[in-house]
Protein backbone atom coordinates (compact mmCIF):
# COMPACT_ATOMS: atom_id res chain seq x y z
CA UNK A 1 -7.00 -9.91 -10.00
CA UNK A 2 -9.85 -8.81 -12.23
CA UNK A 3 -10.71 -5.15 -12.70
CA UNK A 4 -13.29 -3.13 -14.60
CA UNK A 5 -11.96 -0.17 -16.55
CA UNK A 6 -13.57 3.16 -15.62
CA UNK A 7 -12.95 4.39 -19.17
CA UNK A 8 -14.19 1.59 -21.46
CA UNK A 9 -16.11 -0.53 -18.91
CA UNK A 10 -14.49 -3.81 -19.96
CA UNK A 11 -13.28 -6.41 -17.47
CA UNK A 12 -9.64 -7.53 -17.66
CA UNK A 13 -6.99 -9.21 -15.55
CA UNK A 14 -5.00 -6.44 -13.88
CA UNK A 15 -1.23 -6.88 -13.81
CA UNK A 16 0.29 -4.38 -11.34
CA UNK A 17 3.34 -2.49 -12.62
CA UNK A 18 5.66 0.06 -11.03
CA UNK A 19 7.34 3.16 -12.40
CA UNK A 20 10.08 5.19 -10.70
CA UNK A 21 9.87 9.00 -11.05
CA UNK A 22 12.77 10.40 -9.04
CA UNK A 23 12.22 9.20 -5.47
CA UNK A 24 8.52 8.54 -6.06
CA UNK A 25 7.50 5.00 -7.01
CA UNK A 26 4.08 4.66 -8.64
CA UNK A 27 2.20 1.36 -8.64
CA UNK A 28 -0.49 1.11 -11.31
CA UNK A 29 -2.20 -1.17 -13.78
CA UNK A 30 -3.30 -0.41 -17.33
CA UNK A 31 -6.45 -1.55 -19.13
CA UNK A 32 -5.44 -4.05 -21.79
CA UNK A 33 -8.30 -2.82 -24.02
CA UNK A 34 -7.99 0.98 -24.01
CA UNK A 35 -4.64 1.54 -22.24
CA UNK A 36 -6.03 3.77 -19.46
CA UNK A 37 -3.77 3.68 -16.38
CA UNK A 38 -5.23 3.32 -12.90
CA UNK A 39 -2.82 4.41 -10.14
CA UNK A 40 -2.97 2.17 -7.08
CA UNK A 41 -0.59 4.22 -4.91
CA UNK A 42 2.55 6.32 -4.84
CA UNK A 43 5.34 5.90 -2.30
CA UNK A 44 8.48 7.79 -1.39
CA UNK A 45 11.48 6.63 0.70
CA UNK A 46 9.81 7.64 3.98
CA UNK A 47 6.62 5.73 3.14
CA UNK A 48 8.62 2.64 2.19
CA UNK A 49 10.40 2.76 5.57
CA UNK A 50 7.03 2.98 7.33
CA UNK A 51 5.70 0.08 5.24
CA UNK A 52 8.65 -2.06 6.36
CA UNK A 53 8.12 -1.06 10.01
CA UNK A 54 4.42 -1.94 9.84
CA UNK A 55 5.23 -5.32 8.27
CA UNK A 56 7.83 -6.11 10.95
CA UNK A 57 5.39 -5.14 13.71
CA UNK A 58 2.65 -7.24 12.10
CA UNK A 59 4.94 -10.29 12.09
CA UNK A 60 6.03 -9.66 15.69
CA UNK A 61 2.44 -9.28 16.84
CA UNK A 62 1.48 -12.48 15.02
CA UNK A 63 4.22 -14.36 16.84
CA UNK A 64 3.23 -12.80 20.17
CA UNK A 65 -0.38 -13.80 19.55
CA UNK A 66 0.64 -17.41 18.82
CA UNK A 67 2.61 -17.42 22.09
CA UNK A 68 -0.25 -15.83 24.03
CA UNK A 69 1.82 -12.72 24.81
CA UNK A 70 0.07 -10.08 22.69
CA UNK A 71 -0.84 -7.05 24.83
CA UNK A 72 -2.76 -3.82 24.28
CA UNK A 73 0.59 -2.04 24.24
CA UNK A 74 1.69 -4.12 21.25
CA UNK A 75 -1.56 -3.57 19.35
CA UNK A 76 -1.45 0.15 20.19
CA UNK A 77 2.05 0.40 18.75
CA UNK A 78 0.84 -1.30 15.58
CA UNK A 79 -2.16 1.04 15.35
CA UNK A 80 0.09 4.10 15.67
CA UNK A 81 2.44 2.85 12.92
CA UNK A 82 -0.51 2.08 10.61
CA UNK A 83 -1.98 5.54 11.24
CA UNK A 84 1.38 7.16 10.44
CA UNK A 85 1.58 5.14 7.24
CA UNK A 86 -1.99 6.02 6.25
CA UNK A 87 -1.40 9.74 6.87
CA UNK A 88 1.82 9.68 4.85
CA UNK A 89 0.18 7.85 1.93
CA UNK A 90 -2.82 10.19 1.97
CA UNK A 91 -0.58 13.27 1.96
CA UNK A 92 1.62 11.97 -0.85
CA UNK A 93 -1.27 10.82 -3.03
CA UNK A 94 -3.21 14.09 -2.53
CA UNK A 95 -0.14 16.03 -3.72
CA UNK A 96 -0.15 14.30 -7.12
């Protein structure tokens, strides 16, 4: 993935990295030219559980759709999980 550094303005190939700080995991990439770090997101154990739940529901819904059995109830459940995940990520990333 290519990115443009906000600091030096140069384009580079971004290589995502992670760093563990207690229970918080930070995903970021660093400019290869000036070294500036750009944080992609931070997660905690609760967020990681929600991410796994959303992924499982996405796979289930994909299978249901292939079988012609996807209902509004299933998509509503997915929407609620995604909204929970989004709210959790927003709260955690605002706190930093």
